[in-house]
């Protein structure tokens, strides 16, 4: 175990998504198949406690509600399940009909955990909530202004607003309200948008102001005043609602980011195909800047090879040392997910990452700050 990180290997298959329970004693993840594995912490290791088998096709999203202790999953089979822990310790699934004709791509509980949203390839967002009278989950669709596959979504802290990124290079922010008394809270954040209609477009970013590639991840800041997204053109962008949606964008030199997580109201961590998490900060003028990498792993020095050894190890690709297949990063393949591990949304003290290398890594900021002098998360 690295002194700055906790590393766990679960299989040889990629981890496509993961989520934690409230006290982080249990972990739900999917190993690129149609099942969700529930692991429990036992000392320094994780043990498989249960496998949730409800989906027919690959699971594409998992979100574990902290307060209600319910798990919602979605999959390529166009369905969503809400899993409830019964008194006998077994997880009971409830099928949620999303009424979509394409795969579900992502899922997210609302902050108050009274509803959840599912993105899909059907160019709609299904907002699902529980009807006590009929004892089932129902879904309502947000269709406009969506014109392509929803690749990512996130809820605003006010429990009303949704940010969605899509494959047509656009980011849209739509309202989703079920109660009229939410109007005052909504207008306090976006005073210039007076129409409160289900699915009505509130803010719409499109190329070139958005991204030059499909949007891989989008997230609201803890205070709800900023929204950040990453595109497949290796860009990262932040828009500030307190400054008339002023945007700051960086076209990075790295491979595209896949996932992002806010760690303070002015700091965000992004990771993806480059296998290394990077910290970005936003100053008072809403300018975005790169801070540093969380990953300080270094490739082990190899002893000098003799001429004969180099000749023996030479292969068709002219590689002279087999050890060059190891990356100088903790993750050995793309990072597929980032989520908060400890702290609160305004001051995250640790995050977790999962990757296509089947590793789950916990990054502790206090330990990292002691080891990386230039890392300052403000």
Foldseek 3Di string as FASTA:
>chain_A
DDPQKQKDFDDQAFWQEKEAEQQRQWIWTFRQWQKIWIWGDDPSHTDTDDIDHDGPTGWQEWYADHPQRWIWTFWQSQWIWIWDQDPVRDTDIAIERQPADGGWHYKDAFPVNQWIWIWGQRQWIWIWGADPVVGHIYTDIQRPPGDGGFNEKEYFNLSFKMWTFGQQQKIWIFGHDDDPVSQVVVCVQVVVDNDRDHNDTDDMDHPPQGDPGGWQYKYAAPVRQKIWTWGQQQKIKMFGSVVVRDMEMDRDPAGTWREKAQQANFKIWTFWFRQWIWIWGADPVRYIDTQGTLWPAADDDDDDDDPVQQVVCQDPVRDRDPSVQADSTPDSGIWNYKDQDDDDSRHGQWMWITTSSSMIMIGGNVSSCVVDVRDDDD
